[in-house]
PDBML (XML) file of the C-alpha atoms, coordinates in Angstrom:
<?xml version="1.0" encoding="UTF-8" ?>
<PDBx:datablock datablockName="MODEL"
   xmlns:PDBx="http://pdbml.pdb.org/schema/pdbx-v50.xsd"
   xmlns:xsi="http://www.w3.org/2001/XMLSchema-instance"
   xsi:schemaLocation="http://pdbml.pdb.org/schema/pdbx-v50.xsd pdbx-v50.xsd">
   <PDBx:atom_siteCategory>
      <PDBx:atom_site id="1">
         <PDBx:B_iso_or_equiv>0.00</PDBx:B_iso_or_equiv>
         <PDBx:Cartn_x>-29.658</PDBx:Cartn_x>
         <PDBx:Cartn_y>70.971</PDBx:Cartn_y>
         <PDBx:Cartn_z>-16.447</PDBx:Cartn_z>
         <PDBx:auth_asym_id>A</PDBx:auth_asym_id>
         <PDBx:auth_atom_id>CA</PDBx:auth_atom_id>
         <PDBx:auth_comp_id>PRO</PDBx:auth_comp_id>
         <PDBx:auth_seq_id>1</PDBx:auth_seq_id>
         <PDBx:group_PDB>ATOM</PDBx:group_PDB>
         <PDBx:label_alt_id xsi:nil="true" />
         <PDBx:label_asym_id>A</PDBx:label_asym_id>
         <PDBx:label_atom_id>CA</PDBx:label_atom_id>
         <PDBx:label_comp_id>PRO</PDBx:label_comp_id>
         <PDBx:label_entity_id>1</PDBx:label_entity_id>
         <PDBx:label_seq_id>1</PDBx:label_seq_id>
         <PDBx:occupancy>1.00</PDBx:occupancy>
         <PDBx:pdbx_PDB_model_num>1</PDBx:pdbx_PDB_model_num>
         <PDBx:type_symbol>C</PDBx:type_symbol>
      </PDBx:atom_site>
      <PDBx:atom_site id="2">
         <PDBx:B_iso_or_equiv>0.00</PDBx:B_iso_or_equiv>
         <PDBx:Cartn_x>-28.096</PDBx:Cartn_x>
         <PDBx:Cartn_y>67.546</PDBx:Cartn_y>
         <PDBx:Cartn_z>-17.320</PDBx:Cartn_z>
         <PDBx:auth_asym_id>A</PDBx:auth_asym_id>
         <PDBx:auth_atom_id>CA</PDBx:auth_atom_id>
         <PDBx:auth_comp_id>PHE</PDBx:auth_comp_id>
         <PDBx:auth_seq_id>2</PDBx:auth_seq_id>
         <PDBx:group_PDB>ATOM</PDBx:group_PDB>
         <PDBx:label_alt_id xsi:nil="true" />
         <PDBx:label_asym_id>A</PDBx:label_asym_id>
         <PDBx:label_atom_id>CA</PDBx:label_atom_id>
         <PDBx:label_comp_id>PHE</PDBx:label_comp_id>
         <PDBx:label_entity_id>1</PDBx:label_entity_id>
         <PDBx:label_seq_id>2</PDBx:label_seq_id>
         <PDBx:occupancy>1.00</PDBx:occupancy>
         <PDBx:pdbx_PDB_model_num>1</PDBx:pdbx_PDB_model_num>
         <PDBx:type_symbol>C</PDBx:type_symbol>
      </PDBx:atom_site>
      <PDBx:atom_site id="3">
         <PDBx:B_iso_or_equiv>0.00</PDBx:B_iso_or_equiv>
         <PDBx:Cartn_x>-26.679</PDBx:Cartn_x>
         <PDBx:Cartn_y>67.430</PDBx:Cartn_y>
         <PDBx:Cartn_z>-13.786</PDBx:Cartn_z>
         <PDBx:auth_asym_id>A</PDBx:auth_asym_id>
         <PDBx:auth_atom_id>CA</PDBx:auth_atom_id>
         <PDBx:auth_comp_id>ILE</PDBx:auth_comp_id>
         <PDBx:auth_seq_id>3</PDBx:auth_seq_id>
         <PDBx:group_PDB>ATOM</PDBx:group_PDB>
         <PDBx:label_alt_id xsi:nil="true" />
         <PDBx:label_asym_id>A</PDBx:label_asym_id>
         <PDBx:label_atom_id>CA</PDBx:label_atom_id>
         <PDBx:label_comp_id>ILE</PDBx:label_comp_id>
         <PDBx:label_entity_id>1</PDBx:label_entity_id>
         <PDBx:label_seq_id>3</PDBx:label_seq_id>
         <PDBx:occupancy>1.00</PDBx:occupancy>
         <PDBx:pdbx_PDB_model_num>1</PDBx:pdbx_PDB_model_num>
         <PDBx:type_symbol>C</PDBx:type_symbol>
      </PDBx:atom_site>
      <PDBx:atom_site id="4">
         <PDBx:B_iso_or_equiv>0.00</PDBx:B_iso_or_equiv>
         <PDBx:Cartn_x>-29.951</PDBx:Cartn_x>
         <PDBx:Cartn_y>68.215</PDBx:Cartn_y>
         <PDBx:Cartn_z>-12.177</PDBx:Cartn_z>
         <PDBx:auth_asym_id>A</PDBx:auth_asym_id>
         <PDBx:auth_atom_id>CA</PDBx:auth_atom_id>
         <PDBx:auth_comp_id>ASN</PDBx:auth_comp_id>
         <PDBx:auth_seq_id>4</PDBx:auth_seq_id>
         <PDBx:group_PDB>ATOM</PDBx:group_PDB>
         <PDBx:label_alt_id xsi:nil="true" />
         <PDBx:label_asym_id>A</PDBx:label_asym_id>
         <PDBx:label_atom_id>CA</PDBx:label_atom_id>
         <PDBx:label_comp_id>ASN</PDBx:label_comp_id>
         <PDBx:label_entity_id>1</PDBx:label_entity_id>
         <PDBx:label_seq_id>4</PDBx:label_seq_id>
         <PDBx:occupancy>1.00</PDBx:occupancy>
         <PDBx:pdbx_PDB_model_num>1</PDBx:pdbx_PDB_model_num>
         <PDBx:type_symbol>C</PDBx:type_symbol>
      </PDBx:atom_site>
      <PDBx:atom_site id="5">
         <PDBx:B_iso_or_equiv>0.00</PDBx:B_iso_or_equiv>
         <PDBx:Cartn_x>-31.692</PDBx:Cartn_x>
         <PDBx:Cartn_y>65.569</PDBx:Cartn_y>
         <PDBx:Cartn_z>-13.881</PDBx:Cartn_z>
         <PDBx:auth_asym_id>A</PDBx:auth_asym_id>
         <PDBx:auth_atom_id>CA</PDBx:auth_atom_id>
         <PDBx:auth_comp_id>ALA</PDBx:auth_comp_id>
         <PDBx:auth_seq_id>5</PDBx:auth_seq_id>
         <PDBx:group_PDB>ATOM</PDBx:group_PDB>
         <PDBx:label_alt_id xsi:nil="true" />
         <PDBx:label_asym_id>A</PDBx:label_asym_id>
         <PDBx:label_atom_id>CA</PDBx:label_atom_id>
         <PDBx:label_comp_id>ALA</PDBx:label_comp_id>
         <PDBx:label_entity_id>1</PDBx:label_entity_id>
         <PDBx:label_seq_id>5</PDBx:label_seq_id>
         <PDBx:occupancy>1.00</PDBx:occupancy>
         <PDBx:pdbx_PDB_model_num>1</PDBx:pdbx_PDB_model_num>
         <PDBx:type_symbol>C</PDBx:type_symbol>
      </PDBx:atom_site>
      <PDBx:atom_site id="6">
         <PDBx:B_iso_or_equiv>0.00</PDBx:B_iso_or_equiv>
         <PDBx:Cartn_x>-29.214</PDBx:Cartn_x>
         <PDBx:Cartn_y>62.940</PDBx:Cartn_y>
         <PDBx:Cartn_z>-12.685</PDBx:Cartn_z>
         <PDBx:auth_asym_id>A</PDBx:auth_asym_id>
         <PDBx:auth_atom_id>CA</PDBx:auth_atom_id>
         <PDBx:auth_comp_id>ILE</PDBx:auth_comp_id>
         <PDBx:auth_seq_id>6</PDBx:auth_seq_id>
         <PDBx:group_PDB>ATOM</PDBx:group_PDB>
         <PDBx:label_alt_id xsi:nil="true" />
         <PDBx:label_asym_id>A</PDBx:label_asym_id>
         <PDBx:label_atom_id>CA</PDBx:label_atom_id>
         <PDBx:label_comp_id>ILE</PDBx:label_comp_id>
         <PDBx:label_entity_id>1</PDBx:label_entity_id>
         <PDBx:label_seq_id>6</PDBx:label_seq_id>
         <PDBx:occupancy>1.00</PDBx:occupancy>
         <PDBx:pdbx_PDB_model_num>1</PDBx:pdbx_PDB_model_num>
         <PDBx:type_symbol>C</PDBx:type_symbol>
      </PDBx:atom_site>
      <PDBx:atom_site id="7">
         <PDBx:B_iso_or_equiv>0.00</PDBx:B_iso_or_equiv>
         <PDBx:Cartn_x>-29.232</PDBx:Cartn_x>
         <PDBx:Cartn_y>64.033</PDBx:Cartn_y>
         <PDBx:Cartn_z>-9.719</PDBx:Cartn_z>
         <PDBx:auth_asym_id>A</PDBx:auth_asym_id>
         <PDBx:auth_atom_id>CA</PDBx:auth_atom_id>
         <PDBx:auth_comp_id>LEU</PDBx:auth_comp_id>
         <PDBx:auth_seq_id>7</PDBx:auth_seq_id>
         <PDBx:group_PDB>ATOM</PDBx:group_PDB>
         <PDBx:label_alt_id xsi:nil="true" />
         <PDBx:label_asym_id>A</PDBx:label_asym_id>
         <PDBx:label_atom_id>CA</PDBx:label_atom_id>
         <PDBx:label_comp_id>LEU</PDBx:label_comp_id>
         <PDBx:label_entity_id>1</PDBx:label_entity_id>
         <PDBx:label_seq_id>7</PDBx:label_seq_id>
         <PDBx:occupancy>1.00</PDBx:occupancy>
         <PDBx:pdbx_PDB_model_num>1</PDBx:pdbx_PDB_model_num>
         <PDBx:type_symbol>C</PDBx:type_symbol>
      </PDBx:atom_site>
      <PDBx:atom_site id="8">
         <PDBx:B_iso_or_equiv>0.00</PDBx:B_iso_or_equiv>
         <PDBx:Cartn_x>-33.131</PDBx:Cartn_x>
         <PDBx:Cartn_y>63.883</PDBx:Cartn_y>
         <PDBx:Cartn_z>-9.384</PDBx:Cartn_z>
         <PDBx:auth_asym_id>A</PDBx:auth_asym_id>
         <PDBx:auth_atom_id>CA</PDBx:auth_atom_id>
         <PDBx:auth_comp_id>LEU</PDBx:auth_comp_id>
         <PDBx:auth_seq_id>8</PDBx:auth_seq_id>
         <PDBx:group_PDB>ATOM</PDBx:group_PDB>
         <PDBx:label_alt_id xsi:nil="true" />
         <PDBx:label_asym_id>A</PDBx:label_asym_id>
         <PDBx:label_atom_id>CA</PDBx:label_atom_id>
         <PDBx:label_comp_id>LEU</PDBx:label_comp_id>
         <PDBx:label_entity_id>1</PDBx:label_entity_id>
         <PDBx:label_seq_id>8</PDBx:label_seq_id>
         <PDBx:occupancy>1.00</PDBx:occupancy>
         <PDBx:pdbx_PDB_model_num>1</PDBx:pdbx_PDB_model_num>
         <PDBx:type_symbol>C</PDBx:type_symbol>
      </PDBx:atom_site>
      <PDBx:atom_site id="9">
         <PDBx:B_iso_or_equiv>0.00</PDBx:B_iso_or_equiv>
         <PDBx:Cartn_x>-32.777</PDBx:Cartn_x>
         <PDBx:Cartn_y>60.506</PDBx:Cartn_y>
         <PDBx:Cartn_z>-10.671</PDBx:Cartn_z>
         <PDBx:auth_asym_id>A</PDBx:auth_asym_id>
         <PDBx:auth_atom_id>CA</PDBx:auth_atom_id>
         <PDBx:auth_comp_id>ALA</PDBx:auth_comp_id>
         <PDBx:auth_seq_id>9</PDBx:auth_seq_id>
         <PDBx:group_PDB>ATOM</PDBx:group_PDB>
         <PDBx:label_alt_id xsi:nil="true" />
         <PDBx:label_asym_id>A</PDBx:label_asym_id>
         <PDBx:label_atom_id>CA</PDBx:label_atom_id>
         <PDBx:label_comp_id>ALA</PDBx:label_comp_id>
         <PDBx:label_entity_id>1</PDBx:label_entity_id>
         <PDBx:label_seq_id>9</PDBx:label_seq_id>
         <PDBx:occupancy>1.00</PDBx:occupancy>
         <PDBx:pdbx_PDB_model_num>1</PDBx:pdbx_PDB_model_num>
         <PDBx:type_symbol>C</PDBx:type_symbol>
      </PDBx:atom_site>
      <PDBx:atom_site id="10">
         <PDBx:B_iso_or_equiv>0.00</PDBx:B_iso_or_equiv>
         <PDBx:Cartn_x>-30.204</PDBx:Cartn_x>
         <PDBx:Cartn_y>59.570</PDBx:Cartn_y>
         <PDBx:Cartn_z>-7.814</PDBx:Cartn_z>
         <PDBx:auth_asym_id>A</PDBx:auth_asym_id>
         <PDBx:auth_atom_id>CA</PDBx:auth_atom_id>
         <PDBx:auth_comp_id>ILE</PDBx:auth_comp_id>
         <PDBx:auth_seq_id>10</PDBx:auth_seq_id>
         <PDBx:group_PDB>ATOM</PDBx:group_PDB>
         <PDBx:label_alt_id xsi:nil="true" />
         <PDBx:label_asym_id>A</PDBx:label_asym_id>
         <PDBx:label_atom_id>CA</PDBx:label_atom_id>
         <PDBx:label_comp_id>ILE</PDBx:label_comp_id>
         <PDBx:label_entity_id>1</PDBx:label_entity_id>
         <PDBx:label_seq_id>10</PDBx:label_seq_id>
         <PDBx:occupancy>1.00</PDBx:occupancy>
         <PDBx:pdbx_PDB_model_num>1</PDBx:pdbx_PDB_model_num>
         <PDBx:type_symbol>C</PDBx:type_symbol>
      </PDBx:atom_site>
      <PDBx:atom_site id="11">
         <PDBx:B_iso_or_equiv>0.00</PDBx:B_iso_or_equiv>
         <PDBx:Cartn_x>-32.524</PDBx:Cartn_x>
         <PDBx:Cartn_y>61.328</PDBx:Cartn_y>
         <PDBx:Cartn_z>-4.930</PDBx:Cartn_z>
         <PDBx:auth_asym_id>A</PDBx:auth_asym_id>
         <PDBx:auth_atom_id>CA</PDBx:auth_atom_id>
         <PDBx:auth_comp_id>GLU</PDBx:auth_comp_id>
         <PDBx:auth_seq_id>11</PDBx:auth_seq_id>
         <PDBx:group_PDB>ATOM</PDBx:group_PDB>
         <PDBx:label_alt_id xsi:nil="true" />
         <PDBx:label_asym_id>A</PDBx:label_asym_id>
         <PDBx:label_atom_id>CA</PDBx:label_atom_id>
         <PDBx:label_comp_id>GLU</PDBx:label_comp_id>
         <PDBx:label_entity_id>1</PDBx:label_entity_id>
         <PDBx:label_seq_id>11</PDBx:label_seq_id>
         <PDBx:occupancy>1.00</PDBx:occupancy>
         <PDBx:pdbx_PDB_model_num>1</PDBx:pdbx_PDB_model_num>
         <PDBx:type_symbol>C</PDBx:type_symbol>
      </PDBx:atom_site>
      <PDBx:atom_site id="12">
         <PDBx:B_iso_or_equiv>0.00</PDBx:B_iso_or_equiv>
         <PDBx:Cartn_x>-35.326</PDBx:Cartn_x>
         <PDBx:Cartn_y>59.402</PDBx:Cartn_y>
         <PDBx:Cartn_z>-6.814</PDBx:Cartn_z>
         <PDBx:auth_asym_id>A</PDBx:auth_asym_id>
         <PDBx:auth_atom_id>CA</PDBx:auth_atom_id>
         <PDBx:auth_comp_id>GLY</PDBx:auth_comp_id>
         <PDBx:auth_seq_id>12</PDBx:auth_seq_id>
         <PDBx:group_PDB>ATOM</PDBx:group_PDB>
         <PDBx:label_alt_id xsi:nil="true" />
         <PDBx:label_asym_id>A</PDBx:label_asym_id>
         <PDBx:label_atom_id>CA</PDBx:label_atom_id>
         <PDBx:label_comp_id>GLY</PDBx:label_comp_id>
         <PDBx:label_entity_id>1</PDBx:label_entity_id>
         <PDBx:label_seq_id>12</PDBx:label_seq_id>
         <PDBx:occupancy>1.00</PDBx:occupancy>
         <PDBx:pdbx_PDB_model_num>1</PDBx:pdbx_PDB_model_num>
         <PDBx:type_symbol>C</PDBx:type_symbol>
      </PDBx:atom_site>
      <PDBx:atom_site id="13">
         <PDBx:B_iso_or_equiv>0.00</PDBx:B_iso_or_equiv>
         <PDBx:Cartn_x>-33.671</PDBx:Cartn_x>
         <PDBx:Cartn_y>56.391</PDBx:Cartn_y>
         <PDBx:Cartn_z>-5.949</PDBx:Cartn_z>
         <PDBx:auth_asym_id>A</PDBx:auth_asym_id>
         <PDBx:auth_atom_id>CA</PDBx:auth_atom_id>
         <PDBx:auth_comp_id>LEU</PDBx:auth_comp_id>
         <PDBx:auth_seq_id>13</PDBx:auth_seq_id>
         <PDBx:group_PDB>ATOM</PDBx:group_PDB>
         <PDBx:label_alt_id xsi:nil="true" />
         <PDBx:label_asym_id>A</PDBx:label_asym_id>
         <PDBx:label_atom_id>CA</PDBx:label_atom_id>
         <PDBx:label_comp_id>LEU</PDBx:label_comp_id>
         <PDBx:label_entity_id>1</PDBx:label_entity_id>
         <PDBx:label_seq_id>13</PDBx:label_seq_id>
         <PDBx:occupancy>1.00</PDBx:occupancy>
         <PDBx:pdbx_PDB_model_num>1</PDBx:pdbx_PDB_model_num>
         <PDBx:type_symbol>C</PDBx:type_symbol>
      </PDBx:atom_site>
      <PDBx:atom_site id="14">
         <PDBx:B_iso_or_equiv>0.00</PDBx:B_iso_or_equiv>
         <PDBx:Cartn_x>-32.854</PDBx:Cartn_x>
         <PDBx:Cartn_y>57.240</PDBx:Cartn_y>
         <PDBx:Cartn_z>-2.080</PDBx:Cartn_z>
         <PDBx:auth_asym_id>A</PDBx:auth_asym_id>
         <PDBx:auth_atom_id>CA</PDBx:auth_atom_id>
         <PDBx:auth_comp_id>TRP</PDBx:auth_comp_id>
         <PDBx:auth_seq_id>14</PDBx:auth_seq_id>
         <PDBx:group_PDB>ATOM</PDBx:group_PDB>
         <PDBx:label_alt_id xsi:nil="true" />
         <PDBx:label_asym_id>A</PDBx:label_asym_id>
         <PDBx:label_atom_id>CA</PDBx:label_atom_id>
         <PDBx:label_comp_id>TRP</PDBx:label_comp_id>
         <PDBx:label_entity_id>1</PDBx:label_entity_id>
         <PDBx:label_seq_id>14</PDBx:label_seq_id>
         <PDBx:occupancy>1.00</PDBx:occupancy>
         <PDBx:pdbx_PDB_model_num>1</PDBx:pdbx_PDB_model_num>
         <PDBx:type_symbol>C</PDBx:type_symbol>
      </PDBx:atom_site>
      <PDBx:atom_site id="15">
         <PDBx:B_iso_or_equiv>0.00</PDBx:B_iso_or_equiv>
         <PDBx:Cartn_x>-36.524</PDBx:Cartn_x>
         <PDBx:Cartn_y>58.142</PDBx:Cartn_y>
         <PDBx:Cartn_z>-1.485</PDBx:Cartn_z>
         <PDBx:auth_asym_id>A</PDBx:auth_asym_id>
         <PDBx:auth_atom_id>CA</PDBx:auth_atom_id>
         <PDBx:auth_comp_id>ILE</PDBx:auth_comp_id>
         <PDBx:auth_seq_id>15</PDBx:auth_seq_id>
         <PDBx:group_PDB>ATOM</PDBx:group_PDB>
         <PDBx:label_alt_id xsi:nil="true" />
         <PDBx:label_asym_id>A</PDBx:label_asym_id>
         <PDBx:label_atom_id>CA</PDBx:label_atom_id>
         <PDBx:label_comp_id>ILE</PDBx:label_comp_id>
         <PDBx:label_entity_id>1</PDBx:label_entity_id>
         <PDBx:label_seq_id>15</PDBx:label_seq_id>
         <PDBx:occupancy>1.00</PDBx:occupancy>
         <PDBx:pdbx_PDB_model_num>1</PDBx:pdbx_PDB_model_num>
         <PDBx:type_symbol>C</PDBx:type_symbol>
      </PDBx:atom_site>
      <PDBx:atom_site id="16">
         <PDBx:B_iso_or_equiv>0.00</PDBx:B_iso_or_equiv>
         <PDBx:Cartn_x>-37.832</PDBx:Cartn_x>
         <PDBx:Cartn_y>54.789</PDBx:Cartn_y>
         <PDBx:Cartn_z>-3.121</PDBx:Cartn_z>
         <PDBx:auth_asym_id>A</PDBx:auth_asym_id>
         <PDBx:auth_atom_id>CA</PDBx:auth_atom_id>
         <PDBx:auth_comp_id>MET</PDBx:auth_comp_id>
         <PDBx:auth_seq_id>16</PDBx:auth_seq_id>
         <PDBx:group_PDB>ATOM</PDBx:group_PDB>
         <PDBx:label_alt_id xsi:nil="true" />
         <PDBx:label_asym_id>A</PDBx:label_asym_id>
         <PDBx:label_atom_id>CA</PDBx:label_atom_id>
         <PDBx:label_comp_id>MET</PDBx:label_comp_id>
         <PDBx:label_entity_id>1</PDBx:label_entity_id>
         <PDBx:label_seq_id>16</PDBx:label_seq_id>
         <PDBx:occupancy>1.00</PDBx:occupancy>
         <PDBx:pdbx_PDB_model_num>1</PDBx:pdbx_PDB_model_num>
         <PDBx:type_symbol>C</PDBx:type_symbol>
      </PDBx:atom_site>
      <PDBx:atom_site id="17">
         <PDBx:B_iso_or_equiv>0.00</PDBx:B_iso_or_equiv>
         <PDBx:Cartn_x>-35.664</PDBx:Cartn_x>
         <PDBx:Cartn_y>52.959</PDBx:Cartn_y>
         <PDBx:Cartn_z>-0.960</PDBx:Cartn_z>
         <PDBx:auth_asym_id>A</PDBx:auth_asym_id>
         <PDBx:auth_atom_id>CA</PDBx:auth_atom_id>
         <PDBx:auth_comp_id>GLU</PDBx:auth_comp_id>
         <PDBx:auth_seq_id>17</PDBx:auth_seq_id>
         <PDBx:group_PDB>ATOM</PDBx:group_PDB>
         <PDBx:label_alt_id xsi:nil="true" />
         <PDBx:label_asym_id>A</PDBx:label_asym_id>
         <PDBx:label_atom_id>CA</PDBx:label_atom_id>
         <PDBx:label_comp_id>GLU</PDBx:label_comp_id>
         <PDBx:label_entity_id>1</PDBx:label_entity_id>
         <PDBx:label_seq_id>17</PDBx:label_seq_id>
         <PDBx:occupancy>1.00</PDBx:occupancy>
         <PDBx:pdbx_PDB_model_num>1</PDBx:pdbx_PDB_model_num>
         <PDBx:type_symbol>C</PDBx:type_symbol>
      </PDBx:atom_site>
      <PDBx:atom_site id="18">
         <PDBx:B_iso_or_equiv>0.00</PDBx:B_iso_or_equiv>
         <PDBx:Cartn_x>-36.168</PDBx:Cartn_x>
         <PDBx:Cartn_y>54.698</PDBx:Cartn_y>
         <PDBx:Cartn_z>2.180</PDBx:Cartn_z>
         <PDBx:auth_asym_id>A</PDBx:auth_asym_id>
         <PDBx:auth_atom_id>CA</PDBx:auth_atom_id>
         <PDBx:auth_comp_id>SER</PDBx:auth_comp_id>
         <PDBx:auth_seq_id>18</PDBx:auth_seq_id>
         <PDBx:group_PDB>ATOM</PDBx:group_PDB>
         <PDBx:label_alt_id xsi:nil="true" />
         <PDBx:label_asym_id>A</PDBx:label_asym_id>
         <PDBx:label_atom_id>CA</PDBx:label_atom_id>
         <PDBx:label_comp_id>SER</PDBx:label_comp_id>
         <PDBx:label_entity_id>1</PDBx:label_entity_id>
         <PDBx:label_seq_id>18</PDBx:label_seq_id>
         <PDBx:occupancy>1.00</PDBx:occupancy>
         <PDBx:pdbx_PDB_model_num>1</PDBx:pdbx_PDB_model_num>
         <PDBx:type_symbol>C</PDBx:type_symbol>
      </PDBx:atom_site>
      <PDBx:atom_site id="19">
         <PDBx:B_iso_or_equiv>0.00</PDBx:B_iso_or_equiv>
         <PDBx:Cartn_x>-39.854</PDBx:Cartn_x>
         <PDBx:Cartn_y>53.949</PDBx:Cartn_y>
         <PDBx:Cartn_z>1.655</PDBx:Cartn_z>
         <PDBx:auth_asym_id>A</PDBx:auth_asym_id>
         <PDBx:auth_atom_id>CA</PDBx:auth_atom_id>
         <PDBx:auth_comp_id>LEU</PDBx:auth_comp_id>
         <PDBx:auth_seq_id>19</PDBx:auth_seq_id>
         <PDBx:group_PDB>ATOM</PDBx:group_PDB>
         <PDBx:label_alt_id xsi:nil="true" />
         <PDBx:label_asym_id>A</PDBx:label_asym_id>
         <PDBx:label_atom_id>CA</PDBx:label_atom_id>
         <PDBx:label_comp_id>LEU</PDBx:label_comp_id>
         <PDBx:label_entity_id>1</PDBx:label_entity_id>
         <PDBx:label_seq_id>19</PDBx:label_seq_id>
         <PDBx:occupancy>1.00</PDBx:occupancy>
         <PDBx:pdbx_PDB_model_num>1</PDBx:pdbx_PDB_model_num>
         <PDBx:type_symbol>C</PDBx:type_symbol>
      </PDBx:atom_site>
      <PDBx:atom_site id="20">
         <PDBx:B_iso_or_equiv>0.00</PDBx:B_iso_or_equiv>
         <PDBx:Cartn_x>-39.227</PDBx:Cartn_x>
         <PDBx:Cartn_y>50.475</PDBx:Cartn_y>
         <PDBx:Cartn_z>0.710</PDBx:Cartn_z>
         <PDBx:auth_asym_id>A</PDBx:auth_asym_id>
         <PDBx:auth_atom_id>CA</PDBx:auth_atom_id>
         <PDBx:auth_comp_id>SER</PDBx:auth_comp_id>
         <PDBx:auth_seq_id>20</PDBx:auth_seq_id>
         <PDBx:group_PDB>ATOM</PDBx:group_PDB>
         <PDBx:label_alt_id xsi:nil="true" />
         <PDBx:label_asym_id>A</PDBx:label_asym_id>
         <PDBx:label_atom_id>CA</PDBx:label_atom_id>
         <PDBx:label_comp_id>SER</PDBx:label_comp_id>
         <PDBx:label_entity_id>1</PDBx:label_entity_id>
         <PDBx:label_seq_id>20</PDBx:label_seq_id>
         <PDBx:occupancy>1.00</PDBx:occupancy>
         <PDBx:pdbx_PDB_model_num>1</PDBx:pdbx_PDB_model_num>
         <PDBx:type_symbol>C</PDBx:type_symbol>
      </PDBx:atom_site>
      <PDBx:atom_site id="21">
         <PDBx:B_iso_or_equiv>0.00</PDBx:B_iso_or_equiv>
         <PDBx:Cartn_x>-41.061</PDBx:Cartn_x>
         <PDBx:Cartn_y>50.706</PDBx:Cartn_y>
         <PDBx:Cartn_z>-2.109</PDBx:Cartn_z>
         <PDBx:auth_asym_id>A</PDBx:auth_asym_id>
         <PDBx:auth_atom_id>CA</PDBx:auth_atom_id>
         <PDBx:auth_comp_id>ILE</PDBx:auth_comp_id>
         <PDBx:auth_seq_id>21</PDBx:auth_seq_id>
         <PDBx:group_PDB>ATOM</PDBx:group_PDB>
         <PDBx:label_alt_id xsi:nil="true" />
         <PDBx:label_asym_id>A</PDBx:label_asym_id>
         <PDBx:label_atom_id>CA</PDBx:label_atom_id>
         <PDBx:label_comp_id>ILE</PDBx:label_comp_id>
         <PDBx:label_entity_id>1</PDBx:label_entity_id>
         <PDBx:label_seq_id>21</PDBx:label_seq_id>
         <PDBx:occupancy>1.00</PDBx:occupancy>
         <PDBx:pdbx_PDB_model_num>1</PDBx:pdbx_PDB_model_num>
         <PDBx:type_symbol>C</PDBx:type_symbol>
      </PDBx:atom_site>
      <PDBx:atom_site id="22">
         <PDBx:B_iso_or_equiv>0.00</PDBx:B_iso_or_equiv>
         <PDBx:Cartn_x>-37.931</PDBx:Cartn_x>
         <PDBx:Cartn_y>50.666</PDBx:Cartn_y>
         <PDBx:Cartn_z>-4.479</PDBx:Cartn_z>
         <PDBx:auth_asym_id>A</PDBx:auth_asym_id>
         <PDBx:auth_atom_id>CA</PDBx:auth_atom_id>
         <PDBx:auth_comp_id>ALA</PDBx:auth_comp_id>
         <PDBx:auth_seq_id>22</PDBx:auth_seq_id>
         <PDBx:group_PDB>ATOM</PDBx:group_PDB>
         <PDBx:label_alt_id xsi:nil="true" />
         <PDBx:label_asym_id>A</PDBx:label_asym_id>
         <PDBx:label_atom_id>CA</PDBx:label_atom_id>
         <PDBx:label_comp_id>ALA</PDBx:label_comp_id>
         <PDBx:label_entity_id>1</PDBx:label_entity_id>
         <PDBx:label_seq_id>22</PDBx:label_seq_id>
         <PDBx:occupancy>1.00</PDBx:occupancy>
         <PDBx:pdbx_PDB_model_num>1</PDBx:pdbx_PDB_model_num>
         <PDBx:type_symbol>C</PDBx:type_symbol>
      </PDBx:atom_site>
      <PDBx:atom_site id="23">
         <PDBx:B_iso_or_equiv>0.00</PDBx:B_iso_or_equiv>
         <PDBx:Cartn_x>-37.084</PDBx:Cartn_x>
         <PDBx:Cartn_y>48.339</PDBx:Cartn_y>
         <PDBx:Cartn_z>-7.091</PDBx:Cartn_z>
         <PDBx:auth_asym_id>A</PDBx:auth_asym_id>
         <PDBx:auth_atom_id>CA</PDBx:auth_atom_id>
         <PDBx:auth_comp_id>THR</PDBx:auth_comp_id>
         <PDBx:auth_seq_id>23</PDBx:auth_seq_id>
         <PDBx:group_PDB>ATOM</PDBx:group_PDB>
         <PDBx:label_alt_id xsi:nil="true" />
         <PDBx:label_asym_id>A</PDBx:label_asym_id>
         <PDBx:label_atom_id>CA</PDBx:label_atom_id>
         <PDBx:label_comp_id>THR</PDBx:label_comp_id>
         <PDBx:label_entity_id>1</PDBx:label_entity_id>
         <PDBx:label_seq_id>23</PDBx:label_seq_id>
         <PDBx:occupancy>1.00</PDBx:occupancy>
         <PDBx:pdbx_PDB_model_num>1</PDBx:pdbx_PDB_model_num>
         <PDBx:type_symbol>C</PDBx:type_symbol>
      </PDBx:atom_site>
      <PDBx:atom_site id="24">
         <PDBx:B_iso_or_equiv>0.00</PDBx:B_iso_or_equiv>
         <PDBx:Cartn_x>-35.533</PDBx:Cartn_x>
         <PDBx:Cartn_y>45.241</PDBx:Cartn_y>
         <PDBx:Cartn_z>-6.427</PDBx:Cartn_z>
         <PDBx:auth_asym_id>A</PDBx:auth_asym_id>
         <PDBx:auth_atom_id>CA</PDBx:auth_atom_id>
         <PDBx:auth_comp_id>ASP</PDBx:auth_comp_id>
         <PDBx:auth_seq_id>24</PDBx:auth_seq_id>
         <PDBx:group_PDB>ATOM</PDBx:group_PDB>
         <PDBx:label_alt_id xsi:nil="true" />
         <PDBx:label_asym_id>A</PDBx:label_asym_id>
         <PDBx:label_atom_id>CA</PDBx:label_atom_id>
         <PDBx:label_comp_id>ASP</PDBx:label_comp_id>
         <PDBx:label_entity_id>1</PDBx:label_entity_id>
         <PDBx:label_seq_id>24</PDBx:label_seq_id>
         <PDBx:occupancy>1.00</PDBx:occupancy>
         <PDBx:pdbx_PDB_model_num>1</PDBx:pdbx_PDB_model_num>
         <PDBx:type_symbol>C</PDBx:type_symbol>
      </PDBx:atom_site>
      <PDBx:atom_site id="25">
         <PDBx:B_iso_or_equiv>0.00</PDBx:B_iso_or_equiv>
         <PDBx:Cartn_x>-31.367</PDBx:Cartn_x>
         <PDBx:Cartn_y>44.761</PDBx:Cartn_y>
         <PDBx:Cartn_z>-6.459</PDBx:Cartn_z>
         <PDBx:auth_asym_id>A</PDBx:auth_asym_id>
         <PDBx:auth_atom_id>CA</PDBx:auth_atom_id>
         <PDBx:auth_comp_id>ALA</PDBx:auth_comp_id>
         <PDBx:auth_seq_id>25</PDBx:auth_seq_id>
         <PDBx:group_PDB>ATOM</PDBx:group_PDB>
         <PDBx:label_alt_id xsi:nil="true" />
         <PDBx:label_asym_id>A</PDBx:label_asym_id>
         <PDBx:label_atom_id>CA</PDBx:label_atom_id>
         <PDBx:label_comp_id>ALA</PDBx:label_comp_id>
         <PDBx:label_entity_id>1</PDBx:label_entity_id>
         <PDBx:label_seq_id>25</PDBx:label_seq_id>
         <PDBx:occupancy>1.00</PDBx:occupancy>
         <PDBx:pdbx_PDB_model_num>1</PDBx:pdbx_PDB_model_num>
         <PDBx:type_symbol>C</PDBx:type_symbol>
      </PDBx:atom_site>
   </PDBx:atom_siteCategory>
</PDBx:datablock>
């Protein structure tokens, strides 16, 4: 469950970056 939570956070960053609505650097 811990691994899954970390991966979901990483994947969220990927998607936000891909849609150009991500946080700044």
